[in-house]
Amino acid sequence: MKIKAVYLVLFTLICTVILAGCISQSGEKNSGMVTNHTVNGTIPDVSSMTKSAESEKKALVHTGSDETDGTYYNIRIVPASELDKLQKEMGQDEYLIKNDKDYVLGIVSSHGLTLRGDLMQIEKDTGSTGKEFDKEDVVLHLLDITFGLDNSKIKLFKSDKKYQFWLDGYYTDSEIAYVKNLSIMFNSLSGTTEFEDEDVTLGFLQSNYEVIPYNYYNIKIFTEKMLQQYYDDKKKDSDHLIKNKNGILIGVVNDDYIYLVNTLSEEDQRYYILKGLLYSMGLHGVSYKNKESIFYRNEGMNRELSDLDKEAIKILYGGGLKTGDTLETARKTFGLST
């Protein structure tokens, strides 16, 4: 039913902007164009369509009869990275389309409509789970996945200013797009800390700013030799080592960075970036009973956050807990016996 509603909303939007285009082309002054379009919905992820030869052509919807001057209304579906570029080149008659969480979904004008192809992923990351959990179950899961390994006290991201991802080393456009989606996901769960979700710092970072604009979270992807050199020369006592199933070192994670080797598959790389980020957020524990959780004891069995994981993170970053809280303090906060 939700998907049907999404298509209905999209169809209504397209009809509206096409009508506006027709009126504009006919010369009427009052086109009825609204400057702040909001779409509470999404469409299936069709970004892969842009890889085909047909993506070089614009999708066209005819707005007049064969006897007209041949005017067409352009409808395009593009990758999110392409939409970012188009935003910087918007004309006076072009307007952003946003959802209820203020994420940019596309650009509309009297002559065309451009939509990003990953709208389904945005809805997945920002929408409600549709499931209801008992609060005590969520809290107990939170305590399991927070306190563990070396984490006797909670250590959260700062909330004094925005965080921003900083990619360094052998990164690609794929990693850039992925961490932008991570920003969107994190912001949908956090009520305190926030990530910049429209831009990523790339390459060498100047360290001599008078005022550093962000709290940076560094994702460095480099060779096995460089990782081993870091481990031998610069490793900190607080670093957490990431090893594969064969016990080989593939990464290092700490409060504000994760370093990974560049020999991982794209799937593994995304998994360890997410796991590293979660570790840096203060989630060091393991779940022994929630088999859908990314924190389940079988490492790598689940590669995305479960609905229960997301609800737990909402509590962790909801403002009720703070850095330095112990397990006993946290249990008291939630009214649990200690």
Protein backbone atom coordinates (compact mmCIF):
# COMPACT_ATOMS: atom_id res chain seq x y z
CA MET A 1 0.00 0.00 0.00
CA LYS A 2 2.89 2.34 0.78
CA ILE A 3 4.47 1.81 -2.64
CA LYS A 4 1.14 2.48 -4.34
CA ALA A 5 0.83 5.71 -2.38
CA VAL A 6 4.34 6.67 -3.44
CA TYR A 7 3.54 6.21 -7.10
CA LEU A 8 0.31 8.17 -6.65
CA VAL A 9 2.20 11.08 -5.10
CA LEU A 10 4.82 10.98 -7.85
CA PHE A 11 2.15 10.80 -10.59
CA THR A 12 0.36 13.78 -9.03
CA LEU A 13 3.61 15.74 -8.88
CA ILE A 14 4.46 15.02 -12.51
CA CYS A 15 0.96 15.98 -13.65
CA THR A 16 1.20 19.22 -11.66
CA VAL A 17 4.53 20.30 -13.07
CA ILE A 18 3.54 19.29 -16.62
CA LEU A 19 0.41 21.44 -16.30
CA ALA A 20 2.56 24.30 -15.04
CA GLY A 21 4.83 23.83 -18.05
CA CYS A 22 1.90 23.88 -20.44
CA ILE A 23 0.51 27.08 -18.96
CA SER A 24 3.94 28.70 -19.04
CA GLN A 25 4.47 27.73 -22.68
CA SER A 26 1.04 29.10 -23.66
CA GLY A 27 2.06 32.55 -22.43
CA GLU A 28 -0.15 32.95 -19.38
CA LYS A 29 1.48 34.99 -16.65
CA ASN A 30 0.02 33.19 -13.60
CA SER A 31 1.43 29.69 -13.93
CA GLY A 32 0.62 28.65 -10.35
CA MET A 33 4.21 27.50 -9.76
CA VAL A 34 4.91 26.97 -6.07
CA THR A 35 8.42 27.85 -4.94
CA ASN A 36 8.67 25.28 -2.20
CA HIS A 37 7.73 21.81 -3.43
CA THR A 38 7.49 19.04 -0.91
CA VAL A 39 7.13 15.35 -1.71
CA ASN A 40 6.49 12.98 1.15
CA GLY A 41 7.43 9.87 -0.69
CA THR A 42 9.82 8.10 -3.00
CA ILE A 43 10.17 5.94 -6.08
CA PRO A 44 12.18 2.77 -6.68
CA ASP A 45 15.95 3.15 -6.97
CA VAL A 46 16.62 3.28 -10.68
CA SER A 47 20.03 4.93 -10.61
CA SER A 48 21.43 1.90 -12.42
CA MET A 49 19.40 2.98 -15.44
CA THR A 50 21.82 5.83 -15.96
CA LYS A 51 24.55 3.35 -16.82
CA SER A 52 22.88 2.29 -20.03
CA ALA A 53 23.22 3.98 -23.37
CA GLU A 54 19.62 5.15 -23.11
CA SER A 55 20.59 7.31 -20.12
CA GLU A 56 22.23 9.69 -22.56
CA LYS A 57 18.79 10.57 -23.89
CA LYS A 58 16.24 12.68 -22.02
CA ALA A 59 12.92 11.08 -21.13
CA LEU A 60 10.28 13.17 -22.80
CA VAL A 61 6.59 13.76 -22.22
CA HIS A 62 4.69 15.53 -24.99
CA THR A 63 2.77 18.55 -23.76
CA GLY A 64 0.97 19.55 -26.93
CA SER A 65 -0.65 18.23 -30.06
CA ASP A 66 1.20 17.39 -33.26
CA GLU A 67 0.16 20.76 -34.64
CA THR A 68 2.10 22.69 -31.93
CA ASP A 69 5.65 23.96 -32.21
CA GLY A 70 7.07 20.63 -30.89
CA THR A 71 7.50 21.71 -27.27
CA TYR A 72 8.31 18.85 -24.87
CA TYR A 73 8.45 18.54 -21.09
CA ASN A 74 11.70 16.89 -19.97
CA ILE A 75 11.62 14.29 -17.18
CA ARG A 76 15.01 12.95 -16.10
CA ILE A 77 16.20 10.51 -13.44
CA VAL A 78 19.85 11.04 -12.49
CA PRO A 79 22.36 9.84 -9.87
CA ALA A 80 22.51 11.84 -6.63
CA SER A 81 25.99 13.12 -7.56
CA GLU A 82 24.63 14.55 -10.82
CA LEU A 83 21.77 16.24 -8.97
CA ASP A 84 24.33 17.88 -6.64
CA LYS A 85 26.00 19.44 -9.67
CA LEU A 86 22.70 20.59 -11.17
CA GLN A 87 21.77 22.37 -7.92
CA LYS A 88 24.79 24.64 -8.35
CA GLU A 89 23.66 25.54 -11.87
CA MET A 90 19.97 26.21 -11.16
CA GLY A 91 18.26 28.98 -13.09
CA GLN A 92 15.77 31.54 -11.80
CA ASP A 93 12.75 29.42 -12.79
CA GLU A 94 14.04 26.20 -11.18
CA TYR A 95 13.04 25.08 -7.69
CA LEU A 96 14.12 22.31 -5.32
CA ILE A 97 11.78 19.46 -4.42
CA LYS A 98 12.24 18.32 -0.82
CA ASN A 99 10.63 15.74 1.45
CA ASP A 100 9.34 16.41 4.96
CA LYS A 101 12.86 15.96 6.39
CA ASP A 102 14.22 18.64 4.05
CA TYR A 103 16.25 16.25 1.88
CA VAL A 104 16.52 17.34 -1.74
CA LEU A 105 14.71 14.91 -4.05
CA GLY A 106 14.88 16.79 -7.33
CA ILE A 107 14.59 20.00 -9.30
CA VAL A 108 11.46 21.25 -11.08
CA SER A 109 10.85 24.08 -13.54
CA SER A 110 8.35 25.08 -16.17
CA HIS A 111 10.24 23.05 -18.77
CA GLY A 112 11.45 19.98 -16.90
CA LEU A 113 11.60 17.70 -13.87
CA THR A 114 14.83 16.07 -12.60
CA LEU A 115 14.70 13.42 -9.85
CA ARG A 116 17.50 11.58 -8.04
CA GLY A 117 17.55 7.84 -8.62
CA ASP A 118 18.14 6.72 -5.02
CA LEU A 119 14.85 7.93 -3.56
CA MET A 120 13.96 4.46 -2.30
CA GLN A 121 17.17 4.34 -0.26
CA ILE A 122 16.45 7.78 1.22
CA GLU A 123 12.98 6.65 2.27
CA LYS A 124 14.46 3.46 3.72
CA ASP A 125 17.00 5.43 5.76
CA THR A 126 14.73 8.26 6.91
CA GLY A 127 11.30 6.71 7.11
CA SER A 128 9.72 5.09 10.14
CA THR A 129 10.31 1.40 10.63
CA GLY A 130 6.65 0.51 10.76
CA LYS A 131 7.35 -1.77 13.73
CA GLU A 132 6.61 -1.20 17.38
CA PHE A 133 8.95 -2.39 20.12
CA ASP A 134 8.55 -2.59 23.84
CA LYS A 135 10.68 0.19 25.31
CA GLU A 136 12.35 -2.16 27.78
CA ASP A 137 13.38 -4.49 24.94
CA VAL A 138 14.94 -1.56 23.08
CA VAL A 139 16.77 -0.37 26.20
CA LEU A 140 18.12 -3.83 27.01
CA HIS A 141 19.34 -4.18 23.43
CA LEU A 142 20.98 -0.76 23.68
CA LEU A 143 22.83 -1.75 26.86
CA ASP A 144 24.02 -4.97 25.19
CA ILE A 145 25.43 -3.25 22.12
CA THR A 146 26.88 -0.27 23.98
CA PHE A 147 28.74 -1.82 26.90
CA GLY A 148 31.26 -4.41 25.85
CA LEU A 149 34.88 -4.97 24.97
CA ASP A 150 36.70 -1.95 26.42
CA ASN A 151 33.60 0.22 26.80
CA SER A 152 32.87 0.52 30.51
CA LYS A 153 31.62 4.08 30.02
CA ILE A 154 29.56 5.67 27.26
CA LYS A 155 31.49 7.85 24.82
CA LEU A 156 29.31 9.69 22.31
CA PHE A 157 30.03 11.93 19.37
CA LYS A 158 30.27 15.61 20.29
CA SER A 159 27.31 17.89 19.71
CA ASP A 160 29.05 21.28 19.77
CA LYS A 161 29.10 21.50 15.96
CA LYS A 162 28.33 19.40 12.92
CA TYR A 163 30.41 16.40 11.94
CA GLN A 164 31.55 15.91 8.37
CA PHE A 165 32.97 12.85 6.68
CA TRP A 166 36.51 13.28 5.39
CA LEU A 167 37.62 10.74 2.80
CA ASP A 168 41.32 10.31 2.19
CA GLY A 169 43.56 7.92 0.26
CA TYR A 170 42.20 5.56 -2.41
CA TYR A 171 38.53 6.55 -2.31
CA THR A 172 36.14 6.48 -5.27
CA ASP A 173 32.84 8.11 -6.23
CA SER A 174 31.14 5.03 -4.81
CA GLU A 175 32.54 5.70 -1.32
CA ILE A 176 31.59 9.37 -1.56
CA ALA A 177 27.97 8.49 -2.36
CA TYR A 178 27.90 5.83 0.35
CA VAL A 179 29.07 8.10 3.18
CA LYS A 180 26.57 10.76 2.12
CA ASN A 181 23.85 8.16 2.61
CA LEU A 182 25.38 7.31 5.99
CA SER A 183 25.04 10.98 6.94
CA ILE A 184 21.35 10.92 6.02
CA MET A 185 20.82 7.71 7.98
CA PHE A 186 22.63 9.00 11.07
CA ASN A 187 20.74 12.30 11.07
CA SER A 188 17.42 10.45 10.88
CA LEU A 189 18.31 8.61 14.11
CA SER A 190 20.11 11.28 16.14
CA GLY A 191 18.42 14.00 18.13
CA THR A 192 21.68 15.59 19.27
CA THR A 193 24.69 15.20 16.96
CA GLU A 194 24.36 15.95 13.24
CA PHE A 195 26.41 15.18 10.12
CA GLU A 196 26.75 17.40 7.06
CA ASP A 197 24.78 15.39 4.50
CA GLU A 198 25.32 17.31 1.28
CA ASP A 199 29.11 17.50 1.11
CA VAL A 200 32.19 15.42 1.97
CA THR A 201 35.72 16.68 2.56
CA LEU A 202 38.13 14.99 0.15
CA GLY A 203 41.89 14.48 0.05
CA PHE A 204 44.39 16.50 2.03
CA LEU A 205 42.89 18.48 4.92
CA GLN A 206 44.39 21.80 5.91
CA SER A 207 45.06 21.80 9.65
CA ASN A 208 45.94 25.47 10.13
CA TYR A 209 42.43 26.93 10.14
CA GLU A 210 41.78 29.57 12.77
CA VAL A 211 38.37 28.00 13.28
CA ILE A 212 37.88 24.38 12.21
CA PRO A 213 34.37 24.34 10.68
CA TYR A 214 33.50 20.73 11.52
CA ASN A 215 34.25 17.81 13.75
CA TYR A 216 35.79 15.62 11.05
CA TYR A 217 35.32 11.86 10.83
CA ASN A 218 38.20 10.56 8.73
CA ILE A 219 37.82 7.49 6.52
CA LYS A 220 41.24 6.68 5.12
CA ILE A 221 41.55 3.90 2.55
CA PHE A 222 45.11 2.87 1.80
CA THR A 223 47.40 -0.04 0.97
CA GLU A 224 48.19 -2.98 3.27
CA LYS A 225 51.77 -1.74 3.53
CA MET A 226 50.64 1.74 4.64
CA LEU A 227 48.23 0.27 7.19
CA GLN A 228 50.97 -1.95 8.61
CA GLN A 229 53.31 1.05 8.76
CA TYR A 230 50.70 3.00 10.72
CA TYR A 231 50.26 0.05 13.07
CA ASP A 232 54.03 -0.22 13.62
CA ASP A 233 54.77 3.48 14.03
CA LYS A 234 51.68 5.43 15.11
CA LYS A 235 49.15 3.05 16.62
CA LYS A 236 47.42 4.43 19.72
CA ASP A 237 46.50 2.38 22.76
CA SER A 238 42.87 3.35 22.21
CA ASP A 239 42.81 2.02 18.62
CA HIS A 240 40.52 -0.93 17.97
CA LEU A 241 41.92 -3.39 15.44
CA ILE A 242 39.74 -4.85 12.69
CA LYS A 243 40.77 -8.29 11.45
CA ASN A 244 39.26 -10.62 8.89
CA LYS A 245 38.27 -14.24 9.51
CA ASN A 246 41.86 -15.33 8.97
CA GLY A 247 43.14 -12.96 11.66
CA ILE A 248 44.76 -10.59 9.15
CA LEU A 249 44.72 -6.88 10.03
CA ILE A 250 42.44 -4.98 7.62
CA GLY A 251 41.62 -1.83 9.56
CA VAL A 252 41.94 0.39 12.61
CA VAL A 253 39.14 2.41 14.20
CA ASN A 254 39.04 5.03 16.95
CA ASP A 255 36.79 7.86 18.15
CA ASP A 256 36.99 9.95 15.00
CA TYR A 257 38.53 7.82 12.27
CA ILE A 258 38.61 4.47 10.55
CA TYR A 259 41.49 3.27 8.37
CA LEU A 260 40.89 0.39 5.96
CA VAL A 261 42.95 -1.47 3.35
CA ASN A 262 42.02 -0.89 -0.29
CA THR A 263 41.91 -4.60 -1.16
CA LEU A 264 38.43 -5.22 0.28
CA SER A 265 35.47 -5.87 -1.98
CA GLU A 266 32.98 -3.00 -2.22
CA GLU A 267 30.49 -4.96 -0.09
CA ASP A 268 33.06 -5.66 2.63
CA GLN A 269 34.37 -2.13 2.54
CA ARG A 270 30.90 -0.66 3.10
CA TYR A 271 30.24 -3.12 5.90
CA TYR A 272 33.44 -2.22 7.76
CA ILE A 273 32.91 1.52 7.23
CA LEU A 274 29.47 1.17 8.84
CA LYS A 275 30.78 -1.04 11.65
CA GLY A 276 33.65 1.37 12.25
CA LEU A 277 31.30 4.33 12.40
CA LEU A 278 29.07 2.51 14.89
CA TYR A 279 32.10 1.70 17.04
CA SER A 280 33.15 5.37 17.00
CA MET A 281 29.59 6.34 17.98
CA GLY A 282 30.06 4.38 21.21
CA LEU A 283 28.53 1.03 20.22
CA HIS A 284 31.17 -1.51 21.27
CA GLY A 285 29.01 -4.38 22.45
CA VAL A 286 27.51 -7.58 21.05
CA SER A 287 23.98 -8.96 20.90
CA TYR A 288 23.58 -12.64 21.71
CA LYS A 289 19.85 -12.98 21.14
CA ASN A 290 18.76 -10.52 18.42
CA LYS A 291 19.67 -12.44 15.29
CA GLU A 292 18.67 -9.63 12.92
CA SER A 293 21.00 -7.12 14.57
CA ILE A 294 24.20 -5.98 12.89
CA PHE A 295 25.75 -6.47 16.34
CA TYR A 296 24.79 -10.16 16.48
CA ARG A 297 27.62 -12.35 17.77
CA ASN A 298 28.18 -13.97 14.34
CA GLU A 299 30.41 -11.27 12.83
CA GLY A 300 29.29 -10.24 9.35
CA MET A 301 26.08 -12.26 9.40
CA ASN A 302 24.01 -9.05 9.12
CA ARG A 303 25.35 -6.08 7.19
CA GLU A 304 22.69 -3.46 7.80
CA LEU A 305 21.09 -1.99 10.89
CA SER A 306 17.97 -3.81 12.00
CA ASP A 307 14.86 -1.92 13.05
CA LEU A 308 15.72 -2.68 16.68
CA ASP A 309 19.25 -1.34 16.17
CA LYS A 310 17.82 1.93 14.83
CA GLU A 311 15.45 2.32 17.77
CA ALA A 312 18.34 1.74 20.19
CA ILE A 313 20.48 4.39 18.47
CA LYS A 314 17.60 6.87 18.69
CA ILE A 315 17.70 6.45 22.46
CA LEU A 316 21.51 6.59 22.66
CA TYR A 317 21.56 9.88 20.74
CA GLY A 318 18.28 11.19 22.05
CA GLY A 319 19.81 13.39 24.75
CA GLY A 320 19.04 11.29 27.83
CA LEU A 321 22.49 9.70 28.03
CA LYS A 322 25.85 11.43 28.05
CA THR A 323 29.52 10.68 27.68
CA GLY A 324 30.91 9.17 30.88
CA ASP A 325 27.75 7.37 31.94
CA THR A 326 28.44 3.90 33.32
CA LEU A 327 26.27 0.82 32.89
CA GLU A 328 24.88 1.38 36.39
CA THR A 329 24.08 5.03 35.59
CA ALA A 330 22.39 4.06 32.35
CA ARG A 331 20.25 1.41 34.04
CA LYS A 332 19.15 3.94 36.66
CA THR A 333 18.31 6.43 33.90
CA PHE A 334 15.92 3.90 32.38
CA GLY A 335 14.49 2.79 35.71
CA LEU A 336 16.05 -0.68 35.57
CA SER A 337 17.35 -2.55 38.60
CA THR A 338 21.10 -2.36 39.07
